[in-house]
C-alpha cells in the first residue's frame, strides 16, 4: 500500500496537501498524525509544522482487476478488460483473442474465475460487491441458449406428460430457466439435489 509523509501549518493543511499528491479523497486514506504543529517561542522562534502520514487504501475493483490481469498474464493472453456498472453490480468484460479457454465448457472456467474475482473484490470492500465476469458476450449468448432450451423442454413435458430433469447447472443458470418459465400457463419448475449437482425439474402444473 502506498504511504506518503507530508507537512503543513496545520494537520488539515498537511492532509489536504497529501490528498492532492495522491490524487484521491479523504475516504480513501488512513491518516496518522506523526507530529502536532507548535507555534514556538513568542509564535516566531522554533515554529514546527504538523507532520502526517497518509496511507492509500486499496480500491476493491482495482485490486480485483489487477488479480484478473495477473491470471491472464500468467496464461499469456492478450486481453482488454472493460468495466461497466449496472443496478445489479459491476461487470468486467474481457475482449481479445483465444477467449475460448477462459470460458471453458458451458462457461465453467469463466464461472470459476468470476468466483475468485468476487472473493478478491469483497476482501477489499466494506460492502458486498457483486462482480459479473464476461468474455465476448458469452453470458448473453448462454442466456438465450438456456431460454430456448427451457421453452423446448417445456414443450416436451407437455407432450410426454412426464417431468423433464435438466443437467446440473450453476445457480445463475438455474435462475434463467426458472425465470423463463415462471409465467408459463402449463408447466412449473423447481430445483432438486445439492450443489454442484442441483438440477431444474420441469413438471406439468
N, C-alpha and C. Protein backbone atom coordinates (compact mmCIF):
# COMPACT_ATOMS: atom_id res chain seq x y z
N UNK A 1 0.83 -1.19 0.00
CA UNK A 1 0.00 0.00 0.00
C UNK A 1 0.87 1.25 0.00
N UNK A 2 0.44 2.23 -0.76
CA UNK A 2 1.24 3.45 -0.89
C UNK A 2 1.09 4.33 0.34
N UNK A 3 2.23 4.80 0.87
CA UNK A 3 2.24 5.72 2.01
C UNK A 3 3.07 6.94 1.67
N UNK A 4 2.64 8.10 2.14
CA UNK A 4 3.45 9.32 1.99
C UNK A 4 3.41 10.09 3.31
N UNK A 5 4.48 10.84 3.57
CA UNK A 5 4.55 11.71 4.75
C UNK A 5 4.57 13.14 4.26
N UNK A 6 3.67 13.98 4.79
CA UNK A 6 3.57 15.38 4.35
C UNK A 6 3.51 16.30 5.57
N UNK A 7 3.88 17.55 5.35
CA UNK A 7 3.83 18.54 6.43
C UNK A 7 2.95 19.72 6.01
N UNK A 8 2.51 20.46 7.02
CA UNK A 8 1.70 21.65 6.76
C UNK A 8 1.58 22.47 8.03
N UNK A 9 1.13 23.70 7.91
CA UNK A 9 1.00 24.57 9.09
C UNK A 9 0.02 23.98 10.11
N UNK A 10 -1.02 23.32 9.59
CA UNK A 10 -1.97 22.63 10.45
C UNK A 10 -2.10 21.20 9.95
N UNK A 11 -2.74 20.36 10.78
CA UNK A 11 -2.97 18.97 10.36
C UNK A 11 -3.85 18.96 9.11
N UNK A 12 -4.85 19.83 9.09
CA UNK A 12 -5.76 19.89 7.92
C UNK A 12 -5.01 20.26 6.65
N UNK A 13 -4.09 21.23 6.76
CA UNK A 13 -3.28 21.63 5.60
C UNK A 13 -2.43 20.47 5.10
N UNK A 14 -1.82 19.75 6.06
CA UNK A 14 -0.96 18.63 5.69
C UNK A 14 -1.76 17.54 4.98
N UNK A 15 -2.95 17.24 5.54
CA UNK A 15 -3.80 16.20 4.93
C UNK A 15 -4.23 16.63 3.53
N UNK A 16 -4.62 17.91 3.38
CA UNK A 16 -5.04 18.43 2.08
C UNK A 16 -3.93 18.30 1.05
N UNK A 17 -2.71 18.63 1.48
CA UNK A 17 -1.54 18.53 0.60
C UNK A 17 -1.30 17.08 0.17
N UNK A 18 -1.42 16.16 1.14
CA UNK A 18 -1.22 14.74 0.84
C UNK A 18 -2.25 14.19 -0.12
N UNK A 19 -3.51 14.62 0.07
CA UNK A 19 -4.58 14.16 -0.82
C UNK A 19 -4.34 14.63 -2.25
N UNK A 20 -3.84 15.87 -2.39
CA UNK A 20 -3.51 16.39 -3.73
C UNK A 20 -2.41 15.57 -4.38
N UNK A 21 -1.38 15.24 -3.58
CA UNK A 21 -0.26 14.44 -4.11
C UNK A 21 -0.73 13.06 -4.56
N UNK A 22 -1.63 12.46 -3.77
CA UNK A 22 -2.12 11.11 -4.09
C UNK A 22 -3.23 11.13 -5.14
N UNK A 23 -3.81 12.32 -5.34
CA UNK A 23 -4.90 12.44 -6.31
C UNK A 23 -6.13 11.66 -5.89
N UNK A 24 -6.45 11.74 -4.59
CA UNK A 24 -7.57 10.96 -4.08
C UNK A 24 -8.38 11.78 -3.08
N UNK A 25 -9.35 11.14 -2.42
CA UNK A 25 -10.21 11.81 -1.45
C UNK A 25 -9.96 11.22 -0.06
N UNK A 26 -10.46 11.94 0.95
CA UNK A 26 -10.15 11.57 2.34
C UNK A 26 -10.68 10.19 2.73
N UNK A 27 -11.78 9.76 2.09
CA UNK A 27 -12.35 8.45 2.43
C UNK A 27 -11.50 7.29 1.92
N UNK A 28 -10.50 7.60 1.07
CA UNK A 28 -9.64 6.56 0.52
C UNK A 28 -8.29 6.45 1.23
N UNK A 29 -8.13 7.15 2.35
CA UNK A 29 -6.83 7.12 3.04
C UNK A 29 -7.00 6.89 4.54
N UNK A 30 -5.95 6.33 5.12
CA UNK A 30 -5.80 6.30 6.58
C UNK A 30 -4.85 7.43 6.93
N UNK A 31 -5.21 8.24 7.93
CA UNK A 31 -4.36 9.37 8.33
C UNK A 31 -3.79 9.11 9.72
N UNK A 32 -2.47 9.22 9.83
CA UNK A 32 -1.82 9.10 11.14
C UNK A 32 -1.01 10.38 11.40
N UNK A 33 -1.31 11.02 12.51
CA UNK A 33 -0.59 12.25 12.87
C UNK A 33 0.75 11.86 13.51
N UNK A 34 1.85 12.29 12.87
CA UNK A 34 3.19 11.97 13.40
C UNK A 34 3.68 13.07 14.34
N UNK A 35 3.40 14.33 13.98
CA UNK A 35 3.82 15.45 14.84
C UNK A 35 2.75 16.53 14.82
N UNK A 36 2.39 17.01 16.01
CA UNK A 36 1.44 18.12 16.12
C UNK A 36 2.17 19.43 15.80
N UNK A 37 1.47 20.40 15.22
CA UNK A 37 2.12 21.70 14.96
C UNK A 37 2.31 22.47 16.27
N UNK A 38 3.34 23.29 16.33
CA UNK A 38 3.51 24.16 17.51
C UNK A 38 3.96 25.54 17.04
N UNK A 39 3.54 26.57 17.77
CA UNK A 39 3.83 27.95 17.36
C UNK A 39 5.23 28.40 17.76
N UNK A 40 5.85 27.67 18.69
CA UNK A 40 7.20 28.05 19.10
C UNK A 40 7.18 29.25 20.05
N UNK A 41 8.37 29.73 20.39
CA UNK A 41 8.54 30.83 21.34
C UNK A 41 8.04 32.15 20.74
N UNK A 42 7.13 32.82 21.46
CA UNK A 42 6.54 34.10 21.01
C UNK A 42 5.84 33.96 19.64
N UNK A 43 5.55 32.70 19.27
CA UNK A 43 4.92 32.48 17.97
C UNK A 43 5.85 32.71 16.80
N UNK A 44 7.15 32.85 17.06
CA UNK A 44 8.11 33.16 15.99
C UNK A 44 9.26 32.15 15.92
N UNK A 45 9.85 31.86 17.06
CA UNK A 45 11.06 31.03 17.07
C UNK A 45 10.68 29.56 17.31
N UNK A 46 11.24 28.70 16.52
CA UNK A 46 11.00 27.26 16.69
C UNK A 46 9.62 26.82 16.27
N UNK A 47 9.05 27.52 15.29
CA UNK A 47 7.74 27.12 14.76
C UNK A 47 7.87 25.74 14.12
N UNK A 48 6.95 24.82 14.46
CA UNK A 48 7.03 23.45 13.94
C UNK A 48 5.75 23.11 13.19
N UNK A 49 5.91 22.63 11.98
CA UNK A 49 4.75 22.24 11.17
C UNK A 49 4.18 20.90 11.64
N UNK A 50 2.93 20.68 11.26
CA UNK A 50 2.31 19.38 11.51
C UNK A 50 2.89 18.38 10.51
N UNK A 51 3.05 17.13 10.95
CA UNK A 51 3.54 16.09 10.05
C UNK A 51 2.56 14.92 10.13
N UNK A 52 2.06 14.50 8.97
CA UNK A 52 1.11 13.37 8.94
C UNK A 52 1.54 12.34 7.90
N UNK A 53 1.12 11.11 8.16
CA UNK A 53 1.35 10.03 7.19
C UNK A 53 0.00 9.63 6.60
N UNK A 54 -0.06 9.60 5.29
CA UNK A 54 -1.28 9.18 4.59
C UNK A 54 -1.03 7.83 3.94
N UNK A 55 -1.89 6.88 4.24
CA UNK A 55 -1.80 5.55 3.63
C UNK A 55 -2.98 5.36 2.71
N UNK A 56 -2.69 5.15 1.44
CA UNK A 56 -3.75 4.98 0.44
C UNK A 56 -4.39 3.60 0.59
N UNK A 57 -5.69 3.58 0.84
CA UNK A 57 -6.40 2.30 0.99
C UNK A 57 -6.64 1.68 -0.38
N UNK A 58 -6.56 0.36 -0.47
CA UNK A 58 -6.78 -0.28 -1.77
C UNK A 58 -8.22 -0.13 -2.23
N UNK A 59 -8.43 0.04 -3.53
CA UNK A 59 -9.76 0.09 -4.12
C UNK A 59 -10.16 -1.33 -4.51
N UNK A 60 -11.34 -1.75 -4.08
CA UNK A 60 -11.77 -3.13 -4.28
C UNK A 60 -11.72 -3.56 -5.75
N UNK A 61 -12.27 -2.72 -6.65
CA UNK A 61 -12.32 -3.12 -8.05
C UNK A 61 -10.95 -3.04 -8.72
N UNK A 62 -10.13 -2.07 -8.30
CA UNK A 62 -8.76 -2.01 -8.82
C UNK A 62 -8.00 -3.29 -8.48
N UNK A 63 -8.17 -3.76 -7.23
CA UNK A 63 -7.50 -4.99 -6.79
C UNK A 63 -8.04 -6.20 -7.54
N UNK A 64 -9.36 -6.24 -7.77
CA UNK A 64 -9.97 -7.36 -8.49
C UNK A 64 -9.47 -7.41 -9.93
N UNK A 65 -9.42 -6.25 -10.58
CA UNK A 65 -8.95 -6.19 -11.97
C UNK A 65 -7.47 -6.57 -12.05
N UNK A 66 -6.68 -6.09 -11.08
CA UNK A 66 -5.26 -6.43 -11.06
C UNK A 66 -5.06 -7.94 -10.90
N UNK A 67 -5.85 -8.56 -10.03
CA UNK A 67 -5.80 -10.01 -9.83
C UNK A 67 -6.11 -10.73 -11.14
N UNK A 68 -7.16 -10.28 -11.83
CA UNK A 68 -7.56 -10.90 -13.10
C UNK A 68 -6.46 -10.72 -14.15
N UNK A 69 -5.89 -9.52 -14.21
CA UNK A 69 -4.80 -9.26 -15.17
C UNK A 69 -3.60 -10.16 -14.91
N UNK A 70 -3.29 -10.41 -13.64
CA UNK A 70 -2.18 -11.31 -13.29
C UNK A 70 -2.43 -12.72 -13.81
N UNK A 71 -3.67 -13.19 -13.67
CA UNK A 71 -4.03 -14.52 -14.17
C UNK A 71 -3.89 -14.58 -15.69
N UNK A 72 -4.41 -13.54 -16.36
CA UNK A 72 -4.35 -13.50 -17.83
C UNK A 72 -2.90 -13.45 -18.32
N UNK A 73 -2.07 -12.69 -17.58
CA UNK A 73 -0.65 -12.60 -17.95
C UNK A 73 0.03 -13.95 -17.80
N UNK A 74 -0.30 -14.66 -16.73
CA UNK A 74 0.26 -15.99 -16.50
C UNK A 74 -0.14 -16.95 -17.62
N UNK A 75 -1.36 -16.79 -18.12
CA UNK A 75 -1.86 -17.63 -19.21
C UNK A 75 -1.36 -17.14 -20.58
N UNK A 76 -0.59 -16.04 -20.56
CA UNK A 76 -0.03 -15.44 -21.78
C UNK A 76 -1.12 -15.04 -22.77
N UNK A 77 -2.19 -14.46 -22.24
CA UNK A 77 -3.30 -14.00 -23.07
C UNK A 77 -3.30 -12.48 -23.13
N UNK A 78 -3.49 -11.95 -24.32
CA UNK A 78 -3.56 -10.50 -24.51
C UNK A 78 -5.04 -10.11 -24.49
N UNK A 79 -5.51 -9.68 -23.33
CA UNK A 79 -6.93 -9.42 -23.14
C UNK A 79 -7.14 -8.01 -22.59
N UNK A 80 -8.13 -7.32 -23.16
CA UNK A 80 -8.51 -5.99 -22.66
C UNK A 80 -9.72 -6.14 -21.75
N UNK A 81 -9.67 -5.49 -20.59
CA UNK A 81 -10.77 -5.58 -19.62
C UNK A 81 -11.54 -4.27 -19.58
N UNK A 82 -12.83 -4.34 -19.82
CA UNK A 82 -13.70 -3.16 -19.79
C UNK A 82 -14.64 -3.28 -18.59
N UNK A 83 -14.72 -2.22 -17.80
CA UNK A 83 -15.54 -2.25 -16.58
C UNK A 83 -16.83 -1.46 -16.79
N UNK A 84 -17.95 -2.06 -16.41
CA UNK A 84 -19.25 -1.39 -16.51
C UNK A 84 -20.00 -1.56 -15.20
N UNK A 85 -20.79 -0.56 -14.87
CA UNK A 85 -21.60 -0.60 -13.64
C UNK A 85 -23.07 -0.64 -14.04
N UNK A 86 -23.82 -1.57 -13.42
CA UNK A 86 -25.26 -1.54 -13.61
C UNK A 86 -25.94 -1.67 -12.25
N UNK A 87 -27.27 -1.70 -12.24
CA UNK A 87 -28.00 -1.69 -10.96
C UNK A 87 -27.78 -2.97 -10.16
N UNK A 88 -27.39 -4.06 -10.84
CA UNK A 88 -27.19 -5.33 -10.13
C UNK A 88 -25.76 -5.52 -9.65
N UNK A 89 -24.83 -4.74 -10.16
CA UNK A 89 -23.44 -4.89 -9.74
C UNK A 89 -22.47 -4.35 -10.77
N UNK A 90 -21.28 -4.91 -10.75
CA UNK A 90 -20.21 -4.46 -11.65
C UNK A 90 -19.91 -5.57 -12.64
N UNK A 91 -19.80 -5.19 -13.91
CA UNK A 91 -19.48 -6.17 -14.95
C UNK A 91 -18.07 -5.92 -15.47
N UNK A 92 -17.30 -7.00 -15.59
CA UNK A 92 -15.98 -6.94 -16.20
C UNK A 92 -16.05 -7.72 -17.51
N UNK A 93 -15.93 -7.00 -18.62
CA UNK A 93 -15.99 -7.63 -19.94
C UNK A 93 -14.58 -7.81 -20.50
N UNK A 94 -14.26 -9.03 -20.90
CA UNK A 94 -12.94 -9.32 -21.47
C UNK A 94 -13.03 -9.41 -22.99
N UNK A 95 -12.12 -8.70 -23.65
CA UNK A 95 -12.08 -8.70 -25.12
C UNK A 95 -10.69 -9.10 -25.58
N UNK A 96 -10.63 -9.92 -26.61
CA UNK A 96 -9.33 -10.33 -27.15
C UNK A 96 -9.46 -11.66 -27.87
N UNK A 97 -8.30 -12.21 -28.27
CA UNK A 97 -8.30 -13.49 -28.95
C UNK A 97 -8.18 -14.64 -27.96
N UNK A 98 -8.45 -15.84 -28.44
CA UNK A 98 -8.30 -17.07 -27.65
C UNK A 98 -9.04 -17.04 -26.31
N UNK A 99 -10.25 -16.48 -26.33
CA UNK A 99 -11.01 -16.41 -25.08
C UNK A 99 -11.77 -17.70 -24.78
N UNK A 100 -11.76 -18.63 -25.74
CA UNK A 100 -12.45 -19.91 -25.53
C UNK A 100 -11.94 -20.64 -24.30
N UNK A 101 -10.62 -20.60 -24.10
CA UNK A 101 -10.05 -21.30 -22.95
C UNK A 101 -10.43 -20.62 -21.63
N UNK A 102 -10.77 -19.33 -21.68
CA UNK A 102 -11.21 -18.62 -20.48
C UNK A 102 -12.67 -18.92 -20.16
N UNK A 103 -13.42 -19.29 -21.19
CA UNK A 103 -14.85 -19.58 -21.00
C UNK A 103 -15.03 -21.02 -20.51
N UNK A 104 -14.36 -21.96 -21.19
CA UNK A 104 -14.45 -23.36 -20.79
C UNK A 104 -15.77 -23.98 -21.22
N UNK A 105 -15.95 -25.24 -20.83
CA UNK A 105 -17.17 -25.98 -21.21
C UNK A 105 -18.38 -25.37 -20.51
N UNK A 106 -19.31 -24.88 -21.31
CA UNK A 106 -20.53 -24.23 -20.81
C UNK A 106 -20.24 -23.13 -19.79
N UNK A 107 -19.08 -22.48 -19.93
CA UNK A 107 -18.77 -21.34 -19.07
C UNK A 107 -18.22 -21.71 -17.69
N UNK A 108 -17.82 -22.99 -17.51
CA UNK A 108 -17.36 -23.42 -16.18
C UNK A 108 -16.09 -22.71 -15.74
N UNK A 109 -15.14 -22.51 -16.68
CA UNK A 109 -13.90 -21.81 -16.35
C UNK A 109 -14.20 -20.35 -16.02
N UNK A 110 -15.08 -19.74 -16.81
CA UNK A 110 -15.48 -18.34 -16.58
C UNK A 110 -16.14 -18.19 -15.20
N UNK A 111 -16.98 -19.15 -14.84
CA UNK A 111 -17.64 -19.12 -13.53
C UNK A 111 -16.62 -19.23 -12.40
N UNK A 112 -15.63 -20.10 -12.59
CA UNK A 112 -14.59 -20.28 -11.55
C UNK A 112 -13.78 -19.00 -11.39
N UNK A 113 -13.43 -18.36 -12.51
CA UNK A 113 -12.69 -17.09 -12.47
C UNK A 113 -13.54 -16.01 -11.80
N UNK A 114 -14.82 -15.99 -12.13
CA UNK A 114 -15.74 -15.00 -11.55
C UNK A 114 -15.80 -15.17 -10.03
N UNK A 115 -15.83 -16.41 -9.57
CA UNK A 115 -15.88 -16.70 -8.14
C UNK A 115 -14.65 -16.12 -7.44
N UNK A 116 -13.47 -16.34 -8.04
CA UNK A 116 -12.22 -15.86 -7.46
C UNK A 116 -12.15 -14.32 -7.45
N UNK A 117 -12.59 -13.72 -8.56
CA UNK A 117 -12.58 -12.25 -8.67
C UNK A 117 -13.50 -11.63 -7.60
N UNK A 118 -14.64 -12.27 -7.34
CA UNK A 118 -15.56 -11.78 -6.31
C UNK A 118 -14.95 -11.88 -4.92
N UNK A 119 -14.20 -12.95 -4.66
CA UNK A 119 -13.53 -13.10 -3.37
C UNK A 119 -12.54 -11.95 -3.15
N UNK A 120 -11.73 -11.66 -4.19
CA UNK A 120 -10.73 -10.58 -4.09
C UNK A 120 -11.41 -9.24 -3.90
N UNK A 121 -12.43 -8.94 -4.71
CA UNK A 121 -13.12 -7.64 -4.62
C UNK A 121 -13.72 -7.43 -3.24
N UNK A 122 -14.36 -8.46 -2.69
CA UNK A 122 -15.03 -8.31 -1.40
C UNK A 122 -14.07 -8.32 -0.22
N UNK A 123 -12.86 -8.81 -0.43
CA UNK A 123 -11.84 -8.74 0.62
C UNK A 123 -11.46 -7.29 0.90
N UNK A 124 -11.52 -6.45 -0.14
CA UNK A 124 -11.10 -5.04 0.00
C UNK A 124 -12.27 -4.08 0.09
N UNK A 125 -13.49 -4.60 0.18
CA UNK A 125 -14.67 -3.72 0.21
C UNK A 125 -15.37 -3.79 1.56
N UNK A 126 -15.92 -2.65 2.00
CA UNK A 126 -16.67 -2.64 3.26
C UNK A 126 -18.16 -2.88 3.03
N UNK A 127 -18.55 -3.12 1.78
CA UNK A 127 -19.93 -3.52 1.46
C UNK A 127 -19.86 -4.64 0.43
N UNK A 128 -20.92 -5.43 0.35
CA UNK A 128 -20.88 -6.58 -0.56
C UNK A 128 -20.91 -6.12 -2.02
N UNK A 129 -19.99 -6.62 -2.81
CA UNK A 129 -19.94 -6.33 -4.24
C UNK A 129 -20.30 -7.58 -5.03
N UNK A 130 -21.06 -7.38 -6.09
CA UNK A 130 -21.38 -8.49 -7.00
C UNK A 130 -20.70 -8.19 -8.33
N UNK A 131 -19.71 -9.00 -8.67
CA UNK A 131 -18.95 -8.80 -9.90
C UNK A 131 -19.29 -9.91 -10.89
N UNK A 132 -19.71 -9.51 -12.09
CA UNK A 132 -20.01 -10.47 -13.15
C UNK A 132 -18.88 -10.42 -14.17
N UNK A 133 -18.32 -11.57 -14.46
CA UNK A 133 -17.22 -11.67 -15.42
C UNK A 133 -17.76 -12.22 -16.73
N UNK A 134 -17.44 -11.56 -17.83
CA UNK A 134 -17.94 -12.00 -19.13
C UNK A 134 -16.82 -11.94 -20.16
N UNK A 135 -16.95 -12.77 -21.19
CA UNK A 135 -15.96 -12.80 -22.27
C UNK A 135 -16.69 -12.83 -23.60
N UNK A 136 -16.50 -11.78 -24.37
CA UNK A 136 -17.12 -11.65 -25.71
C UNK A 136 -18.62 -11.99 -25.68
N UNK A 137 -19.35 -11.37 -24.75
CA UNK A 137 -20.82 -11.53 -24.64
C UNK A 137 -21.26 -12.98 -24.42
N UNK A 138 -20.40 -13.81 -23.84
CA UNK A 138 -20.78 -15.22 -23.60
C UNK A 138 -22.03 -15.31 -22.73
N UNK A 139 -22.11 -14.48 -21.68
CA UNK A 139 -23.24 -14.56 -20.75
C UNK A 139 -24.57 -14.35 -21.48
N UNK A 140 -24.61 -13.36 -22.35
CA UNK A 140 -25.85 -13.07 -23.08
C UNK A 140 -26.19 -14.20 -24.04
N UNK A 141 -25.17 -14.73 -24.73
CA UNK A 141 -25.40 -15.84 -25.67
C UNK A 141 -25.89 -17.08 -24.92
N UNK A 142 -25.26 -17.36 -23.77
CA UNK A 142 -25.64 -18.52 -22.95
C UNK A 142 -27.06 -18.35 -22.42
N UNK A 143 -27.43 -17.12 -22.03
CA UNK A 143 -28.78 -16.84 -21.52
C UNK A 143 -29.83 -17.15 -22.59
N UNK A 144 -29.56 -16.73 -23.83
CA UNK A 144 -30.50 -17.00 -24.92
C UNK A 144 -30.62 -18.50 -25.19
N UNK A 145 -29.48 -19.19 -25.14
CA UNK A 145 -29.47 -20.65 -25.34
C UNK A 145 -30.32 -21.33 -24.27
N UNK A 146 -30.16 -20.90 -23.02
CA UNK A 146 -30.91 -21.50 -21.91
C UNK A 146 -32.40 -21.19 -22.01
N UNK A 147 -32.74 -19.97 -22.45
CA UNK A 147 -34.15 -19.61 -22.62
C UNK A 147 -34.81 -20.48 -23.69
N UNK A 148 -34.08 -20.69 -24.79
CA UNK A 148 -34.59 -21.55 -25.87
C UNK A 148 -34.73 -22.99 -25.38
N UNK A 149 -33.74 -23.45 -24.60
CA UNK A 149 -33.78 -24.80 -24.04
C UNK A 149 -34.98 -24.96 -23.11
N UNK A 150 -35.23 -23.96 -22.27
CA UNK A 150 -36.37 -24.01 -21.34
C UNK A 150 -37.68 -24.16 -22.10
N UNK A 151 -37.86 -23.37 -23.15
CA UNK A 151 -39.09 -23.43 -23.94
C UNK A 151 -39.25 -24.80 -24.61
N UNK A 152 -38.13 -25.31 -25.15
CA UNK A 152 -38.16 -26.61 -25.85
C UNK A 152 -38.51 -27.74 -24.89
N UNK A 153 -37.90 -27.72 -23.68
CA UNK A 153 -38.14 -28.80 -22.72
C UNK A 153 -39.52 -28.67 -22.07
N UNK A 154 -40.04 -27.45 -21.98
CA UNK A 154 -41.42 -27.27 -21.51
C UNK A 154 -42.39 -27.94 -22.47
N UNK A 155 -42.15 -27.76 -23.77
CA UNK A 155 -42.98 -28.41 -24.79
C UNK A 155 -42.90 -29.93 -24.66
N UNK A 156 -41.69 -30.44 -24.36
CA UNK A 156 -41.53 -31.89 -24.21
C UNK A 156 -42.32 -32.41 -23.01
N UNK A 157 -42.27 -31.64 -21.90
CA UNK A 157 -43.00 -32.05 -20.69
C UNK A 157 -44.51 -32.11 -20.97
N UNK A 158 -45.01 -31.13 -21.75
CA UNK A 158 -46.43 -31.10 -22.11
C UNK A 158 -46.77 -32.27 -23.02
N UNK A 159 -45.92 -32.54 -23.98
CA UNK A 159 -46.16 -33.58 -24.98
C UNK A 159 -46.14 -34.98 -24.35
N UNK A 160 -45.14 -35.22 -23.47
CA UNK A 160 -44.97 -36.56 -22.88
C UNK A 160 -45.73 -36.73 -21.57
N UNK A 161 -46.17 -35.59 -20.99
CA UNK A 161 -46.84 -35.59 -19.68
C UNK A 161 -45.95 -36.19 -18.59
N UNK A 162 -44.65 -36.08 -18.77
CA UNK A 162 -43.67 -36.56 -17.78
C UNK A 162 -42.76 -35.41 -17.36
N UNK A 163 -42.21 -35.51 -16.14
CA UNK A 163 -41.28 -34.47 -15.70
C UNK A 163 -40.01 -34.53 -16.52
N UNK A 164 -39.43 -33.37 -16.77
CA UNK A 164 -38.16 -33.28 -17.50
C UNK A 164 -37.10 -32.77 -16.54
N UNK A 165 -36.01 -33.53 -16.40
CA UNK A 165 -34.93 -33.16 -15.49
C UNK A 165 -33.74 -32.68 -16.31
N UNK A 166 -33.30 -31.45 -16.04
CA UNK A 166 -32.17 -30.88 -16.78
C UNK A 166 -30.85 -31.33 -16.16
N UNK A 167 -29.77 -31.07 -16.87
CA UNK A 167 -28.44 -31.37 -16.34
C UNK A 167 -28.10 -30.42 -15.20
N UNK A 168 -27.14 -30.77 -14.34
CA UNK A 168 -26.75 -29.86 -13.25
C UNK A 168 -26.30 -28.51 -13.80
N UNK A 169 -26.71 -27.45 -13.12
CA UNK A 169 -26.37 -26.09 -13.56
C UNK A 169 -25.97 -25.24 -12.36
N UNK A 170 -25.31 -24.14 -12.66
CA UNK A 170 -24.94 -23.18 -11.62
C UNK A 170 -26.21 -22.45 -11.16
N UNK A 171 -26.20 -21.83 -9.98
CA UNK A 171 -27.38 -21.08 -9.52
C UNK A 171 -27.84 -20.03 -10.52
N UNK A 172 -26.88 -19.34 -11.17
CA UNK A 172 -27.24 -18.29 -12.14
C UNK A 172 -27.99 -18.87 -13.34
N UNK A 173 -27.54 -20.05 -13.80
CA UNK A 173 -28.19 -20.66 -14.97
C UNK A 173 -29.55 -21.24 -14.61
N UNK A 174 -29.67 -21.81 -13.41
CA UNK A 174 -30.97 -22.32 -12.97
C UNK A 174 -31.99 -21.17 -12.89
N UNK A 175 -31.49 -20.02 -12.43
CA UNK A 175 -32.34 -18.83 -12.30
C UNK A 175 -32.93 -18.44 -13.66
N UNK A 176 -32.12 -18.54 -14.73
CA UNK A 176 -32.60 -18.19 -16.09
C UNK A 176 -33.75 -19.11 -16.49
N UNK A 177 -33.61 -20.43 -16.22
CA UNK A 177 -34.66 -21.40 -16.57
C UNK A 177 -35.93 -21.11 -15.79
N UNK A 178 -35.79 -20.92 -14.46
CA UNK A 178 -36.96 -20.63 -13.62
C UNK A 178 -37.68 -19.37 -14.11
N UNK A 179 -36.90 -18.33 -14.38
CA UNK A 179 -37.47 -17.04 -14.79
C UNK A 179 -38.20 -17.16 -16.13
N UNK A 180 -37.59 -17.91 -17.06
CA UNK A 180 -38.18 -18.05 -18.38
C UNK A 180 -39.55 -18.75 -18.33
N UNK A 181 -39.72 -19.68 -17.38
CA UNK A 181 -40.95 -20.48 -17.35
C UNK A 181 -41.90 -20.10 -16.22
N UNK A 182 -41.57 -19.05 -15.46
CA UNK A 182 -42.40 -18.75 -14.29
C UNK A 182 -43.82 -18.31 -14.64
N UNK A 183 -44.00 -17.75 -15.85
CA UNK A 183 -45.34 -17.32 -16.27
C UNK A 183 -45.99 -18.33 -17.23
N UNK A 184 -45.34 -19.47 -17.42
CA UNK A 184 -45.86 -20.46 -18.38
C UNK A 184 -47.21 -21.00 -17.88
N UNK A 185 -48.21 -21.04 -18.74
CA UNK A 185 -49.54 -21.47 -18.28
C UNK A 185 -49.66 -22.96 -17.97
N UNK A 186 -48.75 -23.80 -18.50
CA UNK A 186 -48.97 -25.25 -18.37
C UNK A 186 -47.87 -25.99 -17.60
N UNK A 187 -46.72 -25.35 -17.38
CA UNK A 187 -45.66 -26.04 -16.64
C UNK A 187 -45.14 -25.15 -15.50
N UNK A 188 -44.49 -25.78 -14.54
CA UNK A 188 -43.80 -25.06 -13.48
C UNK A 188 -42.45 -25.71 -13.24
N UNK A 189 -41.57 -25.04 -12.53
CA UNK A 189 -40.22 -25.55 -12.31
C UNK A 189 -39.87 -25.53 -10.83
N UNK A 190 -38.97 -26.43 -10.46
CA UNK A 190 -38.36 -26.40 -9.13
C UNK A 190 -36.97 -27.02 -9.24
N UNK A 191 -36.17 -26.84 -8.21
CA UNK A 191 -34.81 -27.39 -8.23
C UNK A 191 -34.74 -28.61 -7.31
N UNK A 192 -33.88 -29.57 -7.69
CA UNK A 192 -33.73 -30.80 -6.92
C UNK A 192 -32.25 -31.13 -6.78
N UNK A 193 -31.88 -31.63 -5.60
CA UNK A 193 -30.50 -32.04 -5.38
C UNK A 193 -29.67 -30.97 -4.69
N UNK A 194 -28.41 -31.28 -4.48
CA UNK A 194 -27.47 -30.38 -3.81
C UNK A 194 -26.41 -29.92 -4.80
N UNK A 195 -25.94 -28.68 -4.62
CA UNK A 195 -24.84 -28.19 -5.46
C UNK A 195 -23.60 -29.05 -5.22
N UNK A 196 -22.79 -29.35 -6.25
CA UNK A 196 -22.87 -28.82 -7.63
C UNK A 196 -23.76 -29.65 -8.56
N UNK A 197 -24.54 -30.58 -8.00
CA UNK A 197 -25.38 -31.45 -8.84
C UNK A 197 -26.86 -31.08 -8.78
N UNK A 198 -27.15 -29.85 -8.40
CA UNK A 198 -28.54 -29.39 -8.32
C UNK A 198 -29.09 -29.16 -9.73
N UNK A 199 -30.30 -29.64 -9.97
CA UNK A 199 -30.88 -29.59 -11.31
C UNK A 199 -32.26 -28.93 -11.29
N UNK A 200 -32.64 -28.37 -12.41
CA UNK A 200 -34.00 -27.85 -12.58
C UNK A 200 -34.89 -28.98 -13.08
N UNK A 201 -36.08 -29.06 -12.52
CA UNK A 201 -37.07 -30.05 -12.96
C UNK A 201 -38.29 -29.29 -13.50
N UNK A 202 -38.76 -29.70 -14.67
CA UNK A 202 -39.94 -29.09 -15.29
C UNK A 202 -41.08 -30.11 -15.21
N UNK A 203 -42.22 -29.69 -14.63
CA UNK A 203 -43.38 -30.57 -14.49
C UNK A 203 -44.64 -29.84 -14.93
N UNK A 204 -45.68 -30.61 -15.21
CA UNK A 204 -46.98 -30.01 -15.54
C UNK A 204 -47.57 -29.35 -14.32
N UNK A 205 -48.29 -28.25 -14.53
CA UNK A 205 -48.95 -27.56 -13.39
C UNK A 205 -50.13 -28.40 -12.89
